[in-house]
């Protein structure tokens, strides 16, 4: 990677870090990235509203490939002393999406200068943290006839620049599940006159180990209680309304559907026993992220050519990644890149991206383009 391009990418990363924006609010971030490319490259820039892509054209007869980076931040305070620290209280780039975008910018600079034998789409995506972004961007795979897409995520606690690979499911799918209950109010001295949903909620929670028993599923499943809300601070009243919030996740999409149905069946049973009404709603739905082996093998070969360490993961990451929506539509793969063994975990106040991996990631993607 050109020294000038490294310096530009690092400086840009620091600018993004200083002005973080939450998912769905990335107006300045998107505009700044577009302006950067417009001023320094001859790439086509296509504004898609909340996200955009840049395009390098090699020719109509050439294959179309894509690289994706996310650019949203998290609702976390910046507590470490950085020269480029967040200027916005309560918001900071604590997942490294500033670094992901800087790397994709670096690749765009390199391809713009040195060319490529493929049409390259540089996809800059919003709202990854709320898993709302990729589902909006993914139709581009069909519209542009993109045959393959690649991405990476930084991984603290792993040797710097090591490439982490896995075929098949690389990240679990998940969905937020909200169950609302409506009972009948009663005086606290006569609870038998009402219908209190707390008992049904308690039975559902108590049943979670049974509902998630490993013998019932093909792979890993989890159900996490996110929150419980019932009644009011009124000691003369028995609770008559309640809400149970769960996150369910699984290695395989069919298991997620099965677990969701088991929870719904359990809810209906308990609601009938206690004479209460119920309703379901869902948030942050994302399928399991799937790496196509052909694409993953291209990543392995690129890493090998550059002498980068390759670490094979033996299990999927439990957390979800909305890159899943892209590989639902076309071939592709996502890898991890080590940030360093002593780096703080993502989604913590002590986290900061390691600028030292930017040249390695850009070179890795450039070699990947030739595979």
Protein backbone atom coordinates (compact mmCIF):
# COMPACT_ATOMS: atom_id res chain seq x y z
CA UNK A 1 0.00 0.00 0.00
CA UNK A 2 1.37 3.41 -0.94
CA UNK A 3 2.73 5.38 1.99
CA UNK A 4 0.62 8.38 0.95
CA UNK A 5 -2.51 6.23 0.91
CA UNK A 6 -1.69 4.82 4.35
CA UNK A 7 -1.37 8.33 5.77
CA UNK A 8 -4.63 9.43 4.15
CA UNK A 9 -6.51 6.38 5.44
CA UNK A 10 -5.19 6.76 9.00
CA UNK A 11 -6.00 10.49 9.06
CA UNK A 12 -9.50 9.74 7.78
CA UNK A 13 -9.97 7.06 10.45
CA UNK A 14 -9.13 9.61 13.14
CA UNK A 15 -11.60 12.12 11.65
CA UNK A 16 -14.34 9.50 11.69
CA UNK A 17 -13.44 8.60 15.27
CA UNK A 18 -13.77 12.22 16.38
CA UNK A 19 -17.28 12.55 14.93
CA UNK A 20 -19.05 9.23 15.59
CA UNK A 21 -22.71 8.81 14.68
CA UNK A 22 -25.19 6.20 15.84
CA UNK A 23 -26.95 3.73 13.55
CA UNK A 24 -29.39 5.47 11.25
CA UNK A 25 -27.93 8.89 12.05
CA UNK A 26 -24.70 8.73 10.01
CA UNK A 27 -25.35 11.85 7.91
CA UNK A 28 -21.95 13.53 8.37
CA UNK A 29 -20.07 10.24 8.20
CA UNK A 30 -21.61 9.24 4.87
CA UNK A 31 -21.15 12.70 3.42
CA UNK A 32 -17.53 12.93 4.55
CA UNK A 33 -16.64 9.56 3.03
CA UNK A 34 -18.31 10.48 -0.26
CA UNK A 35 -16.54 13.83 -0.37
CA UNK A 36 -13.19 12.19 0.38
CA UNK A 37 -13.54 9.86 -2.62
CA UNK A 38 -14.92 12.55 -4.92
CA UNK A 39 -11.91 14.79 -4.21
CA UNK A 40 -9.22 12.11 -4.49
CA UNK A 41 -10.44 9.55 -7.02
CA UNK A 42 -12.19 9.28 -10.36
CA UNK A 43 -14.49 6.53 -9.11
CA UNK A 44 -18.23 6.75 -9.76
CA UNK A 45 -20.04 7.66 -6.52
CA UNK A 46 -23.64 6.52 -6.19
CA UNK A 47 -25.70 7.98 -3.33
CA UNK A 48 -28.32 5.52 -2.08
CA UNK A 49 -29.80 7.65 0.69
CA UNK A 50 -28.56 6.24 3.99
CA UNK A 51 -25.58 4.51 2.33
CA UNK A 52 -23.54 4.73 -0.85
CA UNK A 53 -21.16 2.86 -3.06
CA UNK A 54 -18.20 3.79 -5.24
CA UNK A 55 -17.52 1.96 -8.49
CA UNK A 56 -14.35 1.22 -10.44
CA UNK A 57 -15.14 0.12 -13.99
CA UNK A 58 -12.75 -2.28 -15.70
CA UNK A 59 -15.09 -3.11 -18.59
CA UNK A 60 -18.53 -4.47 -19.41
CA UNK A 61 -17.11 -7.95 -20.05
CA UNK A 62 -15.39 -8.08 -16.65
CA UNK A 63 -16.82 -9.73 -13.51
CA UNK A 64 -18.41 -7.58 -10.80
CA UNK A 65 -17.10 -7.98 -7.25
CA UNK A 66 -17.82 -6.01 -4.08
CA UNK A 67 -16.17 -5.14 -0.80
CA UNK A 68 -18.22 -3.88 2.13
CA UNK A 69 -17.45 -1.74 5.19
CA UNK A 70 -19.78 -0.40 7.88
CA UNK A 71 -19.55 3.10 9.38
CA UNK A 72 -21.87 3.45 12.40
CA UNK A 73 -20.78 3.93 16.04
CA UNK A 74 -22.06 2.82 19.46
CA UNK A 75 -23.80 4.57 22.41
CA UNK A 76 -20.70 4.28 24.62
CA UNK A 77 -18.66 7.07 26.25
CA UNK A 78 -15.06 7.68 25.19
CA UNK A 79 -13.09 7.27 28.43
CA UNK A 80 -9.56 6.76 27.10
CA UNK A 81 -7.24 9.66 26.31
CA UNK A 82 -6.89 9.93 22.54
CA UNK A 83 -5.70 12.88 20.47
CA UNK A 84 -8.59 12.06 18.14
CA UNK A 85 -11.12 11.14 20.84
CA UNK A 86 -14.86 11.36 20.29
CA UNK A 87 -16.22 14.91 20.45
CA UNK A 88 -19.73 13.66 21.21
CA UNK A 89 -20.55 12.52 24.78
CA UNK A 90 -22.12 9.09 24.93
CA UNK A 91 -21.17 8.10 21.38
CA UNK A 92 -17.92 6.50 20.21
CA UNK A 93 -16.45 4.11 17.65
CA UNK A 94 -16.07 1.18 20.04
CA UNK A 95 -16.51 -1.55 17.44
CA UNK A 96 -13.92 -0.35 14.93
CA UNK A 97 -16.23 0.60 12.09
CA UNK A 98 -14.14 3.74 11.63
CA UNK A 99 -11.24 1.39 10.87
CA UNK A 100 -13.31 -0.77 8.55
CA UNK A 101 -14.27 2.29 6.49
CA UNK A 102 -10.69 3.57 6.48
CA UNK A 103 -9.51 0.24 5.07
CA UNK A 104 -12.13 0.30 2.30
CA UNK A 105 -11.14 3.88 1.49
CA UNK A 106 -7.52 2.71 1.30
CA UNK A 107 -8.50 -0.06 -1.12
CA UNK A 108 -10.43 2.43 -3.25
CA UNK A 109 -7.38 4.71 -3.41
CA UNK A 110 -5.17 1.81 -4.49
CA UNK A 111 -7.57 0.49 -7.13
CA UNK A 112 -8.17 4.00 -8.45
CA UNK A 113 -4.41 4.48 -8.91
CA UNK A 114 -3.30 1.04 -10.04
CA UNK A 115 -6.45 -0.39 -11.59
CA UNK A 116 -8.02 -3.84 -11.41
CA UNK A 117 -9.13 -6.52 -13.83
CA UNK A 118 -12.66 -6.55 -12.38
CA UNK A 119 -15.44 -4.05 -11.83
CA UNK A 120 -15.15 -3.24 -8.14
CA UNK A 121 -18.03 -2.00 -5.98
CA UNK A 122 -16.95 -0.37 -2.71
CA UNK A 123 -20.06 -0.59 -0.49
CA UNK A 124 -20.18 1.77 2.50
CA UNK A 125 -22.98 0.60 4.78
CA UNK A 126 -24.93 2.25 7.57
CA UNK A 127 -26.62 0.76 10.67
CA UNK A 128 -24.76 -2.50 11.16
CA UNK A 129 -25.09 -2.31 14.94
CA UNK A 130 -28.88 -2.39 14.70
CA UNK A 131 -28.72 -4.94 11.84
CA UNK A 132 -30.83 -2.62 9.68
CA UNK A 133 -28.21 -1.59 7.15
CA UNK A 134 -27.22 -4.61 5.07
CA UNK A 135 -30.80 -5.63 4.33
CA UNK A 136 -31.18 -2.25 2.55
CA UNK A 137 -27.88 -2.58 0.68
CA UNK A 138 -28.12 -6.26 -0.31
CA UNK A 139 -30.46 -5.77 -3.33
CA UNK A 140 -27.46 -4.16 -5.06
CA UNK A 141 -26.08 -7.70 -5.47
CA UNK A 142 -28.92 -8.48 -7.88
CA UNK A 143 -29.24 -5.04 -9.44
CA UNK A 144 -25.54 -4.83 -10.36
CA UNK A 145 -25.02 -8.53 -11.03
CA UNK A 146 -22.33 -8.80 -8.36
CA UNK A 147 -20.90 -12.31 -8.40
CA UNK A 148 -18.96 -12.14 -5.14
CA UNK A 149 -18.64 -9.95 -2.04
CA UNK A 150 -16.03 -9.78 0.72
CA UNK A 151 -15.70 -8.10 4.11
CA UNK A 152 -13.80 -8.35 7.37
CA UNK A 153 -14.20 -7.51 11.03
CA UNK A 154 -11.41 -6.60 13.40
CA UNK A 155 -10.83 -9.08 16.24
CA UNK A 156 -9.07 -7.94 19.43
CA UNK A 157 -7.22 -10.55 21.47
CA UNK A 158 -5.83 -12.22 18.34
CA UNK A 159 -2.29 -11.73 16.95
CA UNK A 160 -2.02 -8.60 14.84
CA UNK A 161 -2.85 -9.12 11.12
CA UNK A 162 -3.77 -12.81 11.57
CA UNK A 163 -6.61 -13.86 9.27
CA UNK A 164 -9.40 -15.81 10.97
CA UNK A 165 -11.35 -18.09 8.64
CA UNK A 166 -14.29 -20.47 8.76
CA UNK A 167 -16.34 -22.18 6.08
CA UNK A 168 -20.11 -22.33 6.34
CA UNK A 169 -21.80 -20.53 9.22
CA UNK A 170 -19.41 -17.92 10.60
CA UNK A 171 -21.81 -15.88 12.79
CA UNK A 172 -25.04 -16.96 14.48
CA UNK A 173 -28.40 -15.61 13.42
CA UNK A 174 -30.56 -13.83 15.99
CA UNK A 175 -33.82 -12.03 16.61
CA UNK A 176 -35.18 -9.90 19.43
CA UNK A 177 -38.51 -11.27 20.69
CA UNK A 178 -41.00 -9.19 22.68
CA UNK A 179 -43.98 -10.80 24.38
CA UNK A 180 -46.64 -8.42 25.70
CA UNK A 181 -49.25 -9.62 28.20
CA UNK A 182 -52.59 -8.15 29.20
CA UNK A 183 -54.39 -9.38 32.30
CA UNK A 184 -57.10 -7.94 34.54
CA UNK A 185 -56.34 -5.44 37.32
CA UNK A 186 -57.29 -6.11 40.94
CA UNK A 187 -56.69 -4.72 44.39
CA UNK A 188 -53.52 -6.11 45.94
CA UNK A 189 -55.59 -7.48 48.83
CA UNK A 190 -57.73 -9.50 46.42
CA UNK A 191 -55.37 -10.77 43.69
CA UNK A 192 -57.74 -13.65 42.94
CA UNK A 193 -60.12 -11.14 41.34
CA UNK A 194 -57.58 -10.21 38.69
CA UNK A 195 -55.32 -11.85 36.14
CA UNK A 196 -51.64 -11.21 36.89
CA UNK A 197 -49.23 -11.92 33.97
CA UNK A 198 -46.17 -12.26 36.22
CA UNK A 199 -46.89 -15.94 36.82
CA UNK A 200 -46.93 -16.71 33.09
CA UNK A 201 -43.74 -14.72 32.60
CA UNK A 202 -42.06 -16.66 35.41
CA UNK A 203 -43.10 -20.00 33.87
CA UNK A 204 -41.73 -19.04 30.45
CA UNK A 205 -38.39 -17.99 31.95
CA UNK A 206 -38.26 -21.15 34.03
CA UNK A 207 -38.77 -23.21 30.86
CA UNK A 208 -35.86 -21.69 28.92
CA UNK A 209 -33.37 -24.52 29.72
CA UNK A 210 -35.95 -27.07 28.53
CA UNK A 211 -36.82 -25.07 25.40
CA UNK A 212 -33.14 -24.74 24.42
CA UNK A 213 -32.07 -28.32 25.20
CA UNK A 214 -29.23 -29.22 22.76
CA UNK A 215 -30.88 -32.53 21.85
CA UNK A 216 -33.71 -30.62 20.14
CA UNK A 217 -31.56 -28.77 17.64
CA UNK A 218 -29.04 -29.23 14.85
CA UNK A 219 -26.54 -26.77 16.30
CA UNK A 220 -26.01 -24.12 18.97
CA UNK A 221 -29.10 -22.26 20.25
CA UNK A 222 -29.37 -19.61 22.97
CA UNK A 223 -32.19 -17.69 24.62
CA UNK A 224 -31.21 -14.67 26.72
CA UNK A 225 -33.58 -12.68 28.92
CA UNK A 226 -33.04 -9.03 27.96
CA UNK A 227 -35.67 -7.43 30.16
CA UNK A 228 -38.83 -7.86 32.19
CA UNK A 229 -41.43 -5.17 32.82
CA UNK A 230 -44.62 -5.75 34.81
CA UNK A 231 -46.99 -3.67 36.91
CA UNK A 232 -46.37 -0.28 38.44
CA UNK A 233 -45.08 1.17 41.69
CA UNK A 234 -48.53 1.06 43.21
CA UNK A 235 -48.60 -1.27 46.18
CA UNK A 236 -52.34 -1.41 46.34
CA UNK A 237 -52.64 -2.94 42.85
CA UNK A 238 -51.91 -6.39 41.48
CA UNK A 239 -49.99 -6.25 38.18
CA UNK A 240 -52.21 -6.55 35.12
CA UNK A 241 -49.77 -5.85 32.26
CA UNK A 242 -46.35 -7.25 31.54
CA UNK A 243 -43.60 -7.54 28.95
CA UNK A 244 -40.88 -10.15 28.48
CA UNK A 245 -37.97 -9.36 26.14
CA UNK A 246 -35.73 -12.11 24.83
CA UNK A 247 -32.90 -12.45 22.34
CA UNK A 248 -32.83 -15.82 20.68
CA UNK A 249 -29.95 -16.92 18.49
CA UNK A 250 -28.77 -20.01 16.69
CA UNK A 251 -26.11 -21.43 14.45
CA UNK A 252 -28.66 -22.53 11.84
CA UNK A 253 -31.65 -20.58 10.60
CA UNK A 254 -34.01 -23.54 10.86
CA UNK A 255 -33.12 -23.89 14.54
CA UNK A 256 -33.96 -20.24 15.11
CA UNK A 257 -37.40 -20.78 13.62
CA UNK A 258 -37.89 -23.89 15.76
CA UNK A 259 -36.85 -22.15 18.98
CA UNK A 260 -39.12 -19.18 18.23
CA UNK A 261 -42.05 -21.52 17.70
CA UNK A 262 -41.36 -23.40 20.94
CA UNK A 263 -41.36 -20.13 22.89
CA UNK A 264 -44.59 -19.07 21.21
CA UNK A 265 -46.22 -22.40 22.01
CA UNK A 266 -45.11 -22.14 25.64
CA UNK A 267 -46.49 -18.60 25.84
CA UNK A 268 -49.88 -19.64 24.45
CA UNK A 269 -50.08 -22.50 26.94
CA UNK A 270 -49.28 -20.34 29.98
CA UNK A 271 -51.55 -17.53 28.81
CA UNK A 272 -54.43 -19.96 28.64
CA UNK A 273 -53.69 -21.34 32.11
CA UNK A 274 -53.61 -17.86 33.68
CA UNK A 275 -56.40 -16.35 31.59
CA UNK A 276 -54.42 -13.52 30.03
CA UNK A 277 -53.98 -12.11 26.52
CA UNK A 278 -50.65 -11.99 24.71
CA UNK A 279 -49.01 -10.66 21.53
CA UNK A 280 -45.62 -11.11 19.87
CA UNK A 281 -43.36 -8.63 18.11
CA UNK A 282 -39.83 -8.95 16.78
CA UNK A 283 -36.78 -6.70 16.40
CA UNK A 284 -33.27 -6.84 14.92
CA UNK A 285 -33.82 -9.97 12.87
CA UNK A 286 -30.71 -11.25 11.08
CA UNK A 287 -30.01 -14.72 9.65
CA UNK A 288 -26.85 -16.71 10.21
CA UNK A 289 -23.88 -15.37 8.24
CA UNK A 290 -22.70 -17.96 5.73
CA UNK A 291 -19.27 -18.13 4.10
CA UNK A 292 -19.19 -19.84 0.71
CA UNK A 293 -16.18 -22.15 0.64
CA UNK A 294 -15.02 -21.02 -2.79
CA UNK A 295 -14.88 -17.41 -1.59
CA UNK A 296 -13.33 -18.34 1.76
CA UNK A 297 -10.61 -20.31 -0.04
CA UNK A 298 -9.77 -17.23 -2.10
CA UNK A 299 -9.21 -15.38 1.18
CA UNK A 300 -6.95 -18.18 2.41
CA UNK A 301 -4.86 -18.07 -0.78
CA UNK A 302 -4.54 -14.27 -0.59
CA UNK A 303 -3.40 -14.46 3.05
CA UNK A 304 -0.90 -17.18 2.19
CA UNK A 305 0.59 -15.12 -0.65
CA UNK A 306 1.17 -12.24 1.78
CA UNK A 307 2.59 -14.49 4.50
CA UNK A 308 -0.23 -13.67 6.91
CA UNK A 309 -1.05 -16.19 9.63
CA UNK A 310 -4.30 -18.07 9.02
CA UNK A 311 -6.32 -19.19 12.04
CA UNK A 312 -9.18 -21.62 11.44
CA UNK A 313 -12.18 -21.09 13.74
CA UNK A 314 -13.76 -24.29 15.04
CA UNK A 315 -17.11 -22.71 15.92
CA UNK A 316 -19.22 -19.77 14.72
CA UNK A 317 -19.17 -16.46 16.53
CA UNK A 318 -22.22 -16.21 18.79
CA UNK A 319 -22.80 -12.59 17.91
CA UNK A 320 -24.73 -11.73 14.75
CA UNK A 321 -23.48 -9.84 11.70
CA UNK A 322 -25.79 -8.37 9.09
CA UNK A 323 -23.32 -9.19 6.31
CA UNK A 324 -25.53 -12.30 6.25
CA UNK A 325 -27.98 -10.51 3.96
CA UNK A 326 -25.32 -10.16 1.25
CA UNK A 327 -24.33 -13.82 1.13
CA UNK A 328 -28.01 -14.73 0.99
CA UNK A 329 -27.99 -13.16 -2.49
CA UNK A 330 -24.54 -13.95 -3.89
CA UNK A 331 -21.30 -15.79 -3.19
CA UNK A 332 -19.04 -14.27 -0.61
CA UNK A 333 -17.09 -14.57 2.60
CA UNK A 334 -16.19 -12.60 5.70
CA UNK A 335 -13.04 -13.07 7.73
CA UNK A 336 -11.65 -11.72 10.98
CA UNK A 337 -8.39 -9.78 11.15
CA UNK A 338 -6.42 -9.81 14.39
CA UNK A 339 -6.06 -6.44 16.09
CA UNK A 340 -3.42 -7.58 18.59
CA UNK A 341 -3.41 -9.87 21.61
CA UNK A 342 -3.46 -7.05 24.18
CA UNK A 343 -6.20 -4.98 22.57
CA UNK A 344 -9.37 -4.26 24.57
CA UNK A 345 -12.55 -6.08 23.45
CA UNK A 346 -15.00 -4.44 21.08
CA UNK A 347 -18.08 -2.77 22.60
CA UNK A 348 -16.08 -1.66 25.65
CA UNK A 349 -15.02 1.86 26.60
CA UNK A 350 -11.32 0.90 26.44
CA UNK A 351 -11.45 -0.21 22.80
CA UNK A 352 -9.70 1.61 19.97
CA UNK A 353 -8.95 0.37 16.47
CA UNK A 354 -5.33 -0.47 15.61
CA UNK A 355 -4.18 1.70 12.69
CA UNK A 356 -1.29 -0.71 12.16
CA UNK A 357 -3.50 -3.27 10.40
CA UNK A 358 -4.78 -0.88 7.73
CA UNK A 359 -1.96 -1.52 5.20
CA UNK A 360 -2.20 -5.28 5.74
CA UNK A 361 -5.97 -5.32 5.18
CA UNK A 362 -5.73 -3.19 2.05
CA UNK A 363 -2.93 -5.34 0.60
CA UNK A 364 -4.93 -8.45 1.50
CA UNK A 365 -7.99 -7.15 -0.37
CA UNK A 366 -5.88 -6.12 -3.38
CA UNK A 367 -4.38 -9.61 -3.66
CA UNK A 368 -7.88 -11.05 -3.16
CA UNK A 369 -9.01 -9.10 -6.23
CA UNK A 370 -6.59 -11.12 -8.37
CA UNK A 371 -7.91 -14.49 -7.15
